[in-house]
Amino acid sequence: MNMKTMAEELREIPAKKKIITSVEYECRDRGTADEVFSTVTGIVTDHLDELAKITFDRNEADHTCKVEVTQNV
């Protein structure tokens, strides 16, 4: 049985929408944070026409990087 995820069900509603994705990475070393930032830069370069907004926030106190993407659908 192939059940749809909650997100898939919501995407099927026939109305204009924006999809917001938030991902928090554990970045205990500078290399991991740099990799996340590099990926964000690539997304902006490769998918600019799909983006409404993208944010990158590095919190050195708790060793995390948070990326939030708002995508036009």
Protein backbone atom coordinates (compact mmCIF):
# COMPACT_ATOMS: atom_id res chain seq x y z
CA MET A 1 0.00 0.00 0.00
CA ASN A 2 1.43 3.38 -1.04
CA MET A 3 0.08 6.11 1.24
CA LYS A 4 0.68 9.78 0.50
CA THR A 5 2.56 11.91 2.97
CA MET A 6 0.87 14.89 4.59
CA ALA A 7 2.93 17.23 2.42
CA GLU A 8 1.91 15.41 -0.77
CA GLU A 9 -1.78 15.71 0.15
CA LEU A 10 -1.40 19.43 0.83
CA ARG A 11 0.43 20.03 -2.46
CA GLU A 12 -2.52 18.57 -4.38
CA ILE A 13 -4.88 21.37 -3.34
CA PRO A 14 -5.48 23.37 -6.55
CA ALA A 15 -4.54 26.81 -5.23
CA LYS A 16 -1.50 29.05 -5.62
CA LYS A 17 0.99 28.20 -2.91
CA LYS A 18 4.50 28.62 -1.55
CA ILE A 19 6.30 25.70 0.05
CA ILE A 20 8.51 26.52 3.03
CA THR A 21 11.19 24.00 3.96
CA SER A 22 13.28 24.36 7.09
CA VAL A 23 16.33 22.20 7.78
CA GLU A 24 18.62 22.45 10.79
CA TYR A 25 22.09 20.90 10.52
CA GLU A 26 24.45 20.02 13.35
CA CYS A 27 27.71 21.75 12.42
CA ARG A 28 30.32 20.95 15.05
CA ASP A 29 33.13 21.82 12.65
CA ARG A 30 33.71 24.66 10.22
CA GLY A 31 33.85 22.28 7.25
CA THR A 32 30.26 21.15 7.72
CA ALA A 33 29.01 24.73 8.03
CA ASP A 34 30.96 25.66 4.89
CA GLU A 35 29.39 22.72 3.02
CA VAL A 36 25.88 23.83 4.02
CA PHE A 37 26.64 27.40 2.92
CA SER A 38 28.10 26.18 -0.38
CA THR A 39 24.95 24.15 -1.04
CA VAL A 40 22.76 27.20 -0.30
CA THR A 41 24.85 29.23 -2.76
CA GLY A 42 24.39 26.53 -5.41
CA ILE A 43 20.63 26.49 -4.86
CA VAL A 44 20.44 30.24 -5.39
CA THR A 45 22.52 29.93 -8.57
CA ASP A 46 20.69 26.93 -10.03
CA HIS A 47 17.09 27.55 -8.89
CA LEU A 48 16.71 31.32 -8.69
CA ASP A 49 13.48 31.31 -10.72
CA GLU A 50 11.81 28.94 -8.20
CA LEU A 51 12.81 30.82 -5.03
CA ALA A 52 10.77 33.36 -3.15
CA LYS A 53 13.30 33.47 -0.29
CA ILE A 54 16.21 31.53 1.18
CA THR A 55 17.89 32.18 4.52
CA PHE A 56 21.03 30.75 6.12
CA ASP A 57 21.64 31.24 9.84
CA ARG A 58 24.70 29.90 11.65
CA ASN A 59 24.55 29.67 15.43
CA GLU A 60 28.01 28.97 16.79
CA ALA A 61 26.75 28.71 20.38
CA ASP A 62 24.76 25.54 19.70
CA HIS A 63 26.77 24.43 16.64
CA THR A 64 23.90 24.56 14.15
CA CYS A 65 23.14 25.97 10.73
CA LYS A 66 19.52 26.55 9.83
CA VAL A 67 18.39 26.91 6.23
CA GLU A 68 14.87 27.99 5.31
CA VAL A 69 13.69 27.95 1.71
CA THR A 70 10.43 29.47 0.48
CA GLN A 71 9.66 28.02 -2.94
CA ASN A 72 7.11 29.30 -5.45
CA VAL A 73 4.87 26.50 -6.71
